[in-house]
C-alpha atoms as a PDB file:
ATOM      1  CA  ALA A   1     -11.759  40.129  -3.771  1.00  0.00           C
ATOM      2  CA  CYS A   2      -9.288  42.262  -5.642  1.00  0.00           C
ATOM      3  CA  GLN A   3     -10.389  45.723  -6.651  1.00  0.00           C
ATOM      4  CA  GLN A   4      -8.436  45.866  -9.907  1.00  0.00           C
ATOM      5  CA  GLY A   5     -10.094  44.488 -13.033  1.00  0.00           C
ATOM      6  CA  ASP A   6     -12.268  41.423 -13.258  1.00  0.00           C
ATOM      7  CA  PRO A   7     -11.998  38.989 -10.384  1.00  0.00           C
ATOM      8  CA  MET A   8     -10.086  35.792 -11.074  1.00  0.00           C
ATOM      9  CA  LEU A   9     -12.365  32.863 -10.489  1.00  0.00           C
ATOM     10  CA  SER A  10     -10.926  29.612  -9.241  1.00  0.00           C
ATOM     11  CA  SER A  11     -10.421  26.991 -11.870  1.00  0.00           C
ATOM     12  CA  THR A  12     -10.363  23.228 -11.855  1.00  0.00           C
ATOM     13  CA  GLU A  13      -8.477  22.535 -15.065  1.00  0.00           C
ATOM     14  CA  GLU A  14      -7.337  18.954 -15.477  1.00  0.00           C
ATOM     15  CA  LYS A  15      -3.777  18.183 -14.411  1.00  0.00           C
ATOM     16  CA  LEU A  16      -1.989  15.000 -13.530  1.00  0.00           C
ATOM     17  CA  VAL A  17      -2.137  13.834  -9.967  1.00  0.00           C
ATOM     18  CA  LEU A  18       0.841  12.974  -7.820  1.00  0.00           C
ATOM     19  CA  VAL A  19       1.209   9.433  -6.499  1.00  0.00           C
ATOM     20  CA  ASN A  20       3.220   9.055  -3.323  1.00  0.00           C
ATOM     21  CA  PRO A  21       5.276   6.950  -3.146  1.00  0.00           C
ATOM     22  CA  THR A  22       5.918   5.558  -6.622  1.00  0.00           C
ATOM     23  CA  THR A  23       7.870   2.565  -5.260  1.00  0.00           C
ATOM     24  CA  TYR A  24       7.760   0.614  -2.021  1.00  0.00           C
ATOM     25  CA  ASP A  25       9.688  -2.419  -0.742  1.00  0.00           C
ATOM     26  CA  PHE A  26       7.861  -4.538   1.841  1.00  0.00           C
ATOM     27  CA  GLY A  27      11.173  -6.190   2.783  1.00  0.00           C
ATOM     28  CA  SER A  28      11.346  -9.870   3.750  1.00  0.00           C
ATOM     29  CA  LEU A  29       8.307 -11.799   4.881  1.00  0.00           C
ATOM     30  CA  GLN A  30       7.752 -15.499   5.492  1.00  0.00           C
ATOM     31  CA  VAL A  31       5.839 -17.347   2.770  1.00  0.00           C
ATOM     32  CA  GLY A  32       2.130 -17.497   3.622  1.00  0.00           C
ATOM     33  CA  GLN A  33       2.128 -14.494   5.956  1.00  0.00           C
ATOM     34  CA  THR A  34       0.514 -11.150   5.092  1.00  0.00           C
ATOM     35  CA  SER A  35       2.293  -7.842   5.626  1.00  0.00           C
ATOM     36  CA  ALA A  36       0.877  -4.871   7.420  1.00  0.00           C
ATOM     37  CA  ALA A  37      -0.987  -2.493   5.112  1.00  0.00           C
ATOM     38  CA  PHE A  38       1.061   0.109   3.258  1.00  0.00           C
ATOM     39  CA  THR A  39      -0.822   3.238   2.172  1.00  0.00           C
ATOM     40  CA  VAL A  40      -0.400   4.941  -1.205  1.00  0.00           C
ATOM     41  CA  THR A  41      -1.854   8.443  -1.653  1.00  0.00           C
ATOM     42  CA  ILE A  42      -3.043  10.145  -4.831  1.00  0.00           C
ATOM     43  CA  SER A  43      -2.902  13.933  -4.426  1.00  0.00           C
ATOM     44  CA  PRO A  44      -3.704  16.882  -6.683  1.00  0.00           C
ATOM     45  CA  SER A  45      -0.686  18.392  -8.418  1.00  0.00           C
ATOM     46  CA  GLY A  46       0.165  21.945  -9.279  1.00  0.00           C
ATOM     47  CA  LEU A  47      -2.307  24.585  -8.325  1.00  0.00           C
ATOM     48  CA  SER A  48      -5.943  24.121  -9.302  1.00  0.00           C
ATOM     49  CA  SER A  49      -6.665  20.607 -10.474  1.00  0.00           C
ATOM     50  CA  SER A  50      -9.422  18.038 -10.691  1.00  0.00           C
ATOM     51  CA  ASP A  51      -9.018  14.378 -11.627  1.00  0.00           C
ATOM     52  CA  THR A  52     -10.984  11.184 -11.189  1.00  0.00           C
ATOM     53  CA  GLY A  53      -9.370   7.925 -10.112  1.00  0.00           C
ATOM     54  CA  ASP A  54     -11.407   5.300 -11.957  1.00  0.00           C
ATOM     55  CA  SER A  55      -9.657   2.051 -11.077  1.00  0.00           C
ATOM     56  CA  ILE A  56      -6.616   0.681  -9.290  1.00  0.00           C
ATOM     57  CA  THR A  57      -5.489  -2.745 -10.456  1.00  0.00           C
ATOM     58  CA  GLU A  58      -2.716  -5.288  -9.961  1.00  0.00           C
ATOM     59  CA  SER A  59      -2.342  -8.751 -11.418  1.00  0.00           C
ATOM     60  CA  CYS A  60       0.340 -10.282  -9.237  1.00  0.00           C
ATOM     61  CA  PRO A  61      -0.299 -13.280  -6.967  1.00  0.00           C
ATOM     62  CA  ASP A  62       1.872 -11.992  -4.114  1.00  0.00           C
ATOM     63  CA  PHE A  63       0.409  -8.480  -3.853  1.00  0.00           C
ATOM     64  CA  SER A  64      -3.097  -7.148  -3.251  1.00  0.00           C
ATOM     65  CA  VAL A  65      -4.792  -3.763  -3.242  1.00  0.00           C
ATOM     66  CA  ASN A  66      -7.717  -2.488  -1.190  1.00  0.00           C
ATOM     67  CA  ALA A  67      -9.105   0.558  -3.043  1.00  0.00           C
ATOM     68  CA  PRO A  68     -12.695   1.203  -1.911  1.00  0.00           C
ATOM     69  CA  ASN A  69     -15.106   3.899  -3.066  1.00  0.00           C
ATOM     70  CA  LEU A  70     -13.997   4.272  -6.686  1.00  0.00           C
ATOM     71  CA  PRO A  71     -14.374   6.402  -8.686  1.00  0.00           C
ATOM     72  CA  ALA A  72     -12.642   8.860  -6.382  1.00  0.00           C
ATOM     73  CA  TYR A  73     -12.267  12.583  -7.016  1.00  0.00           C
ATOM     74  CA  VAL A  74      -8.914  14.229  -6.374  1.00  0.00           C
ATOM     75  CA  TYR A  75      -8.878  18.015  -6.537  1.00  0.00           C
ATOM     76  CA  ARG A  76      -7.476  21.308  -5.232  1.00  0.00           C
ATOM     77  CA  THR A  77      -8.999  24.757  -5.632  1.00  0.00           C
ATOM     78  CA  CYS A  78      -6.718  27.803  -5.874  1.00  0.00           C
ATOM     79  CA  GLU A  79      -7.486  31.431  -6.602  1.00  0.00           C
ATOM     80  CA  THR A  80      -5.823  34.814  -6.809  1.00  0.00           C
ATOM     81  CA  CYS A  81      -5.798  36.546  -3.454  1.00  0.00           C
ATOM     82  CA  CYS A  82      -4.487  39.625  -1.707  1.00  0.00           C
ATOM     83  CA  LEU A  83      -2.117  39.787   1.215  1.00  0.00           C
ATOM     84  CA  THR A  84      -3.832  39.739   4.581  1.00  0.00           C
ATOM     85  CA  GLY A  85      -5.212  43.162   5.460  1.00  0.00           C
ATOM     86  CA  ASP A  86      -4.723  44.697   1.983  1.00  0.00           C
ATOM     87  CA  GLN A  87      -7.773  46.452   0.576  1.00  0.00           C
ATOM     88  CA  ILE A  88      -6.352  46.546  -2.935  1.00  0.00           C
ATOM     89  CA  CYS A  89      -4.278  43.782  -4.501  1.00  0.00           C
ATOM     90  CA  PRO A  90      -0.618  44.578  -5.073  1.00  0.00           C
ATOM     91  CA  GLN A  91       0.743  44.636  -8.616  1.00  0.00           C
ATOM     92  CA  GLN A  92       1.450  40.924  -8.404  1.00  0.00           C
ATOM     93  CA  ALA A  93      -1.335  39.135  -6.617  1.00  0.00           C
ATOM     94  CA  LEU A  94      -0.565  35.865  -4.870  1.00  0.00           C
ATOM     95  CA  THR A  95      -2.000  32.499  -5.778  1.00  0.00           C
ATOM     96  CA  CYS A  96      -3.542  30.981  -2.694  1.00  0.00           C
ATOM     97  CA  CYS A  97      -4.720  27.429  -2.392  1.00  0.00           C
ATOM     98  CA  ILE A  98      -7.672  27.383  -0.069  1.00  0.00           C
ATOM     99  CA  GLY A  99      -8.622  24.458   2.101  1.00  0.00           C
ATOM    100  CA  ASP A 100     -10.907  22.974  -0.543  1.00  0.00           C
ATOM    101  CA  SER A 101      -8.903  19.917  -1.571  1.00  0.00           C
ATOM    102  CA  GLN A 102      -9.294  16.160  -1.652  1.00  0.00           C
ATOM    103  CA  SER A 103      -6.751  13.324  -1.887  1.00  0.00           C
ATOM    104  CA  TYR A 104      -7.418   9.589  -2.166  1.00  0.00           C
ATOM    105  CA  SER A 105      -5.560   6.813  -0.360  1.00  0.00           C
ATOM    106  CA  PHE A 106      -5.596   3.063  -0.840  1.00  0.00           C
ATOM    107  CA  GLN A 107      -3.857   0.170   0.879  1.00  0.00           C
ATOM    108  CA  THR A 108      -1.466  -2.424  -0.513  1.00  0.00           C
ATOM    109  CA  PHE A 109      -0.411  -5.763   0.984  1.00  0.00           C
ATOM    110  CA  PHE A 110       2.299  -8.380   0.381  1.00  0.00           C
ATOM    111  CA  THR A 111       1.585 -12.096   0.886  1.00  0.00           C
ATOM    112  CA  PRO A 112       4.450 -14.118  -0.630  1.00  0.00           C
ATOM    113  CA  THR A 113       3.435 -17.456  -2.133  1.00  0.00           C
ATOM    114  CA  VAL A 114       6.984 -18.655  -2.891  1.00  0.00           C
ATOM    115  CA  ALA A 115      10.429 -17.915  -1.520  1.00  0.00           C
ATOM    116  CA  GLY A 116      12.417 -15.286  -3.416  1.00  0.00           C
ATOM    117  CA  ALA A 117      12.160 -11.730  -4.658  1.00  0.00           C
ATOM    118  CA  SER A 118       9.021 -10.544  -6.441  1.00  0.00           C
ATOM    119  CA  SER A 119       7.603  -7.264  -7.655  1.00  0.00           C
ATOM    120  CA  CYS A 120       4.333  -5.921  -8.966  1.00  0.00           C
ATOM    121  CA  VAL A 121       3.188  -2.863 -10.887  1.00  0.00           C
ATOM    122  CA  VAL A 122      -0.061  -1.355  -9.616  1.00  0.00           C
ATOM    123  CA  THR A 123      -1.863   0.660 -12.300  1.00  0.00           C
ATOM    124  CA  ILE A 124      -3.974   3.684 -11.418  1.00  0.00           C
ATOM    125  CA  SER A 125      -6.410   4.662 -14.192  1.00  0.00           C
ATOM    126  CA  LEU A 126      -7.425   8.330 -14.218  1.00  0.00           C
ATOM    127  CA  ASN A 127     -10.068  10.307 -16.074  1.00  0.00           C
ATOM    128  CA  GLY A 128     -11.739   7.431 -17.890  1.00  0.00           C
ATOM    129  CA  GLY A 129      -8.433   5.799 -18.812  1.00  0.00           C
ATOM    130  CA  ALA A 130      -7.014   8.946 -20.436  1.00  0.00           C
ATOM    131  CA  THR A 131      -4.068   8.839 -18.042  1.00  0.00           C
ATOM    132  CA  THR A 132      -2.412   6.142 -15.955  1.00  0.00           C
ATOM    133  CA  LYS A 133       0.042   6.285 -13.090  1.00  0.00           C
ATOM    134  CA  THR A 134       1.934   3.342 -11.628  1.00  0.00           C
ATOM    135  CA  VAL A 135       3.311   2.241  -8.287  1.00  0.00           C
ATOM    136  CA  THR A 136       5.924  -0.525  -8.177  1.00  0.00           C
ATOM    137  CA  LEU A 137       5.763  -2.783  -5.130  1.00  0.00           C
ATOM    138  CA  SER A 138       8.432  -5.316  -4.204  1.00  0.00           C
ATOM    139  CA  GLY A 139       9.178  -7.810  -1.478  1.00  0.00           C
ATOM    140  CA  THR A 140      11.062 -11.002  -0.722  1.00  0.00           C
ATOM    141  CA  GLY A 141       9.407 -14.204   0.416  1.00  0.00           C
ATOM    142  CA  THR A 142      11.444 -16.226   2.896  1.00  0.00           C
ATOM    143  CA  PRO A 143      10.946 -19.964   3.358  1.00  0.00           C
ATOM    144  CA  PRO A 144       9.118 -20.897   6.525  1.00  0.00           C
ATOM    145  CA  PRO A 145      11.240 -22.642   9.093  1.00  0.00           C
ATOM    146  CA  VAL A 146      10.989 -26.347   9.714  1.00  0.00           C
ATOM    147  CA  HIS A 147      10.220 -26.909  13.381  1.00  0.00           C
ATOM    148  CA  ILE A 148      10.459 -30.527  14.535  1.00  0.00           C
ATOM    149  CA  VAL A 149       8.640 -31.505  17.717  1.00  0.00           C
ATOM    150  CA  VAL A 150       9.209 -34.885  19.420  1.00  0.00           C
ATOM    151  CA  ASN A 151       6.676 -35.945  22.036  1.00  0.00           C
ATOM    152  CA  PRO A 152       7.458 -37.151  24.592  1.00  0.00           C
ATOM    153  CA  SER A 153      10.963 -35.715  24.718  1.00  0.00           C
ATOM    154  CA  SER A 154      12.251 -38.613  26.839  1.00  0.00           C
ATOM    155  CA  VAL A 155      11.137 -42.198  27.590  1.00  0.00           C
ATOM    156  CA  ASN A 156      11.760 -44.313  30.661  1.00  0.00           C
ATOM    157  CA  PHE A 157      11.372 -48.034  29.882  1.00  0.00           C
ATOM    158  CA  GLY A 158      11.892 -49.036  33.513  1.00  0.00           C
ATOM    159  CA  ASP A 159      13.589 -52.329  34.381  1.00  0.00           C
ATOM    160  CA  VAL A 160      13.770 -54.705  31.417  1.00  0.00           C
ATOM    161  CA  ARG A 161      15.466 -58.112  31.555  1.00  0.00           C
ATOM    162  CA  ARG A 162      18.138 -58.819  29.019  1.00  0.00           C
ATOM    163  CA  ASN A 163      16.870 -60.468  25.807  1.00  0.00           C
ATOM    164  CA  ASN A 164      13.283 -59.380  26.572  1.00  0.00           C
ATOM    165  CA  ASP A 165      11.256 -56.656  24.873  1.00  0.00           C
ATOM    166  CA  SER A 166      10.079 -53.642  26.821  1.00  0.00           C
ATOM    167  CA  THR A 167       6.518 -52.437  26.751  1.00  0.00           C
ATOM    168  CA  ALA A 168       5.884 -50.394  23.613  1.00  0.00           C
ATOM    169  CA  VAL A 169       5.909 -46.619  24.038  1.00  0.00           C
ATOM    170  CA  GLY A 170       4.481 -44.316  21.359  1.00  0.00           C
ATOM    171  CA  ILE A 171       6.637 -41.428  20.189  1.00  0.00           C
ATOM    172  CA  THR A 172       5.267 -38.737  17.877  1.00  0.00           C
ATOM    173  CA  VAL A 173       7.532 -36.708  15.587  1.00  0.00           C
ATOM    174  CA  SER A 174       5.884 -33.749  13.864  1.00  0.00           C
ATOM    175  CA  ASN A 175       6.778 -30.618  11.944  1.00  0.00           C
ATOM    176  CA  THR A 176       4.937 -27.586  13.272  1.00  0.00           C
ATOM    177  CA  GLY A 177       6.713 -25.264  10.813  1.00  0.00           C
ATOM    178  CA  GLY A 178       5.326 -24.224   7.457  1.00  0.00           C
ATOM    179  CA  ALA A 179       7.680 -26.260   5.222  1.00  0.00           C
ATOM    180  CA  THR A 180       7.336 -29.964   4.508  1.00  0.00           C
END
Protein backbone atom coordinates (compact mmCIF):
# COMPACT_ATOMS: atom_id res chain seq x y z
CA ALA A 1 0.00 0.00 0.00
CA CYS A 2 1.05 3.59 -0.39
CA GLN A 3 2.81 5.22 2.52
CA GLN A 4 1.39 8.70 1.98
CA GLY A 5 -1.94 9.53 3.60
CA ASP A 6 -4.91 7.24 3.93
CA PRO A 7 -4.95 4.24 1.64
CA MET A 8 -7.35 4.40 -1.29
CA LEU A 9 -9.74 1.51 -1.05
CA SER A 10 -11.11 -0.02 -4.21
CA SER A 11 -14.58 1.06 -5.11
CA THR A 12 -17.42 -0.53 -7.02
CA GLU A 13 -19.46 2.53 -7.93
CA GLU A 14 -22.16 1.91 -10.50
CA LYS A 15 -21.27 2.69 -14.10
CA LEU A 16 -22.73 1.64 -17.40
CA VAL A 17 -21.48 -1.55 -18.94
CA LEU A 18 -20.14 -1.91 -22.44
CA VAL A 19 -21.93 -4.19 -24.89
CA ASN A 20 -19.82 -5.61 -27.68
CA PRO A 21 -20.83 -5.54 -30.44
CA THR A 22 -23.85 -3.25 -30.60
CA THR A 23 -24.84 -4.48 -34.08
CA TYR A 24 -24.37 -7.75 -35.94
CA ASP A 25 -25.45 -8.95 -39.39
CA PHE A 26 -25.91 -12.72 -39.73
CA GLY A 27 -25.82 -12.35 -43.53
CA SER A 28 -27.98 -14.54 -45.78
CA LEU A 29 -29.46 -17.80 -44.60
CA GLN A 30 -32.03 -20.12 -46.16
CA VAL A 31 -35.53 -19.92 -44.68
CA GLY A 32 -35.99 -22.58 -41.99
CA GLN A 33 -32.29 -23.01 -41.22
CA THR A 34 -30.65 -21.81 -37.99
CA SER A 35 -27.41 -19.85 -37.97
CA ALA A 36 -24.39 -20.65 -35.90
CA ALA A 37 -24.42 -18.94 -32.50
CA PHE A 38 -23.10 -15.39 -32.33
CA THR A 39 -21.83 -14.26 -28.92
CA VAL A 40 -22.49 -10.83 -27.40
CA THR A 41 -20.45 -9.79 -24.35
CA ILE A 42 -21.37 -7.36 -21.57
CA SER A 43 -18.21 -5.97 -19.94
CA PRO A 44 -17.54 -3.49 -17.15
CA SER A 45 -16.74 0.03 -18.34
CA GLY A 46 -14.38 2.62 -17.02
CA LEU A 47 -12.37 1.74 -13.99
CA SER A 48 -14.16 0.33 -10.96
CA SER A 49 -17.71 -0.69 -11.75
CA SER A 50 -20.43 -3.09 -10.70
CA ASP A 51 -23.68 -3.75 -12.55
CA THR A 52 -26.29 -6.47 -12.66
CA GLY A 53 -27.74 -7.79 -15.91
CA ASP A 54 -31.32 -8.64 -14.98
CA SER A 55 -32.84 -9.74 -18.28
CA ILE A 56 -32.09 -10.02 -21.98
CA THR A 57 -35.14 -10.02 -24.23
CA GLU A 58 -36.12 -10.00 -27.90
CA SER A 59 -39.55 -10.20 -29.47
CA CYS A 60 -38.76 -11.03 -33.07
CA PRO A 61 -39.80 -14.31 -34.72
CA ASP A 62 -36.58 -14.70 -36.72
CA PHE A 63 -34.10 -14.17 -33.87
CA SER A 64 -33.53 -15.91 -30.54
CA VAL A 65 -31.36 -15.37 -27.49
CA ASN A 66 -29.82 -17.89 -25.10
CA ALA A 67 -28.96 -15.97 -21.90
CA PRO A 68 -28.62 -18.43 -19.00
CA ASN A 69 -27.83 -17.71 -15.36
CA LEU A 70 -29.50 -14.31 -14.98
CA PRO A 71 -29.19 -12.14 -13.01
CA ALA A 72 -25.52 -11.86 -13.91
CA TYR A 73 -22.99 -9.61 -12.19
CA VAL A 74 -20.57 -7.61 -14.31
CA TYR A 75 -17.79 -5.86 -12.42
CA ARG A 76 -14.17 -4.67 -12.33
CA THR A 77 -12.15 -3.71 -9.27
CA CYS A 78 -9.46 -1.03 -9.55
CA GLU A 79 -7.33 0.64 -6.91
CA THR A 80 -4.50 3.11 -6.54
CA CYS A 81 -1.14 1.40 -6.72
CA CYS A 82 2.56 2.13 -6.80
CA LEU A 83 5.02 1.31 -9.54
CA THR A 84 6.63 -2.08 -9.19
CA GLY A 85 9.44 -2.00 -6.64
CA ASP A 86 8.60 1.46 -5.23
CA GLN A 87 8.37 1.62 -1.45
CA ILE A 88 6.63 4.99 -1.50
CA CYS A 89 4.07 6.06 -4.07
CA PRO A 90 5.17 8.76 -6.49
CA GLN A 91 3.38 12.10 -6.50
CA GLN A 92 0.85 10.74 -8.97
CA ALA A 93 -0.06 7.19 -8.12
CA LEU A 94 -1.30 4.93 -10.90
CA THR A 95 -4.74 3.40 -11.11
CA CYS A 96 -4.37 -0.32 -11.54
CA CYS A 97 -7.16 -2.68 -12.42
CA ILE A 98 -6.47 -5.97 -10.74
CA GLY A 99 -7.59 -9.31 -12.07
CA ASP A 100 -10.85 -9.22 -10.14
CA SER A 101 -13.33 -8.70 -12.97
CA GLN A 102 -16.32 -10.45 -14.48
CA SER A 103 -18.02 -10.13 -17.88
CA TYR A 104 -21.18 -11.87 -19.09
CA SER A 105 -21.76 -13.39 -22.52
CA PHE A 106 -24.90 -14.66 -24.20
CA GLN A 107 -25.65 -16.22 -27.57
CA THR A 108 -27.91 -15.04 -30.37
CA PHE A 109 -29.28 -17.00 -33.33
CA PHE A 110 -31.00 -16.23 -36.65
CA THR A 111 -33.68 -18.56 -38.05
CA PRO A 112 -35.47 -16.79 -40.93
CA THR A 113 -39.16 -17.65 -41.29
CA VAL A 114 -39.70 -15.72 -44.54
CA ALA A 115 -37.50 -14.58 -47.40
CA GLY A 116 -36.20 -11.02 -47.15
CA ALA A 117 -34.32 -8.73 -44.81
CA SER A 118 -35.24 -8.59 -41.13
CA SER A 119 -33.82 -7.05 -37.98
CA CYS A 120 -34.35 -7.26 -34.26
CA VAL A 121 -33.47 -5.15 -31.23
CA VAL A 122 -32.31 -7.17 -28.23
CA THR A 123 -32.83 -5.30 -24.95
CA ILE A 124 -30.49 -5.78 -22.00
CA SER A 125 -32.00 -4.62 -18.69
CA LEU A 126 -29.47 -3.58 -16.05
CA ASN A 127 -29.72 -2.78 -12.36
CA GLY A 128 -33.39 -3.56 -11.86
CA GLY A 129 -34.42 -1.82 -15.08
CA ALA A 130 -32.70 1.46 -14.19
CA THR A 131 -30.64 1.22 -17.37
CA THR A 132 -31.03 -0.57 -20.69
CA LYS A 133 -28.60 -1.31 -23.49
CA THR A 134 -29.51 -2.63 -26.93
CA VAL A 135 -27.99 -4.82 -29.61
CA THR A 136 -29.41 -4.69 -33.13
CA LEU A 137 -29.31 -7.97 -35.04
CA SER A 138 -30.04 -8.31 -38.75
CA GLY A 139 -30.10 -10.98 -41.41
CA THR A 140 -31.63 -11.89 -44.75
CA GLY A 141 -33.75 -14.97 -45.33
CA THR A 142 -33.30 -16.57 -48.74
CA PRO A 143 -35.97 -18.76 -50.32
CA PRO A 144 -35.17 -22.45 -50.25
CA PRO A 145 -34.44 -23.95 -53.62
CA VAL A 146 -36.93 -26.11 -55.43
CA HIS A 147 -35.31 -29.45 -56.19
CA ILE A 148 -37.29 -31.71 -58.52
CA VAL A 149 -36.52 -35.42 -58.49
CA VAL A 150 -37.92 -37.81 -61.14
CA ASN A 151 -37.72 -41.52 -60.39
CA PRO A 152 -36.90 -43.49 -62.40
CA SER A 153 -34.91 -41.11 -64.58
CA SER A 154 -35.52 -43.22 -67.71
CA VAL A 155 -38.04 -45.89 -68.79
CA ASN A 156 -37.63 -48.71 -71.28
CA PHE A 157 -41.02 -49.93 -72.56
CA GLY A 158 -39.45 -52.74 -74.58
CA ASP A 159 -41.03 -53.88 -77.85
CA VAL A 160 -44.59 -52.62 -78.27
CA ARG A 161 -46.70 -53.27 -81.38
CA ARG A 162 -48.16 -50.29 -83.13
CA ASN A 163 -51.66 -49.31 -81.94
CA ASN A 164 -51.20 -51.31 -78.71
CA ASP A 165 -50.64 -49.98 -75.20
CA SER A 166 -47.44 -50.75 -73.34
CA THR A 167 -47.40 -52.08 -69.83
CA ALA A 168 -47.90 -49.25 -67.35
CA VAL A 169 -44.78 -47.94 -65.64
CA GLY A 170 -44.99 -45.75 -62.52
CA ILE A 171 -43.01 -42.52 -62.50
CA THR A 172 -42.70 -40.41 -59.35
CA VAL A 173 -42.02 -36.66 -59.50
CA SER A 174 -41.21 -35.01 -56.18
CA ASN A 175 -39.80 -31.80 -54.78
CA THR A 176 -37.12 -32.46 -52.19
CA GLY A 177 -36.44 -28.73 -51.74
CA GLY A 178 -38.01 -26.56 -49.08
CA ALA A 179 -40.37 -24.54 -51.33
CA THR A 180 -43.70 -25.77 -52.66
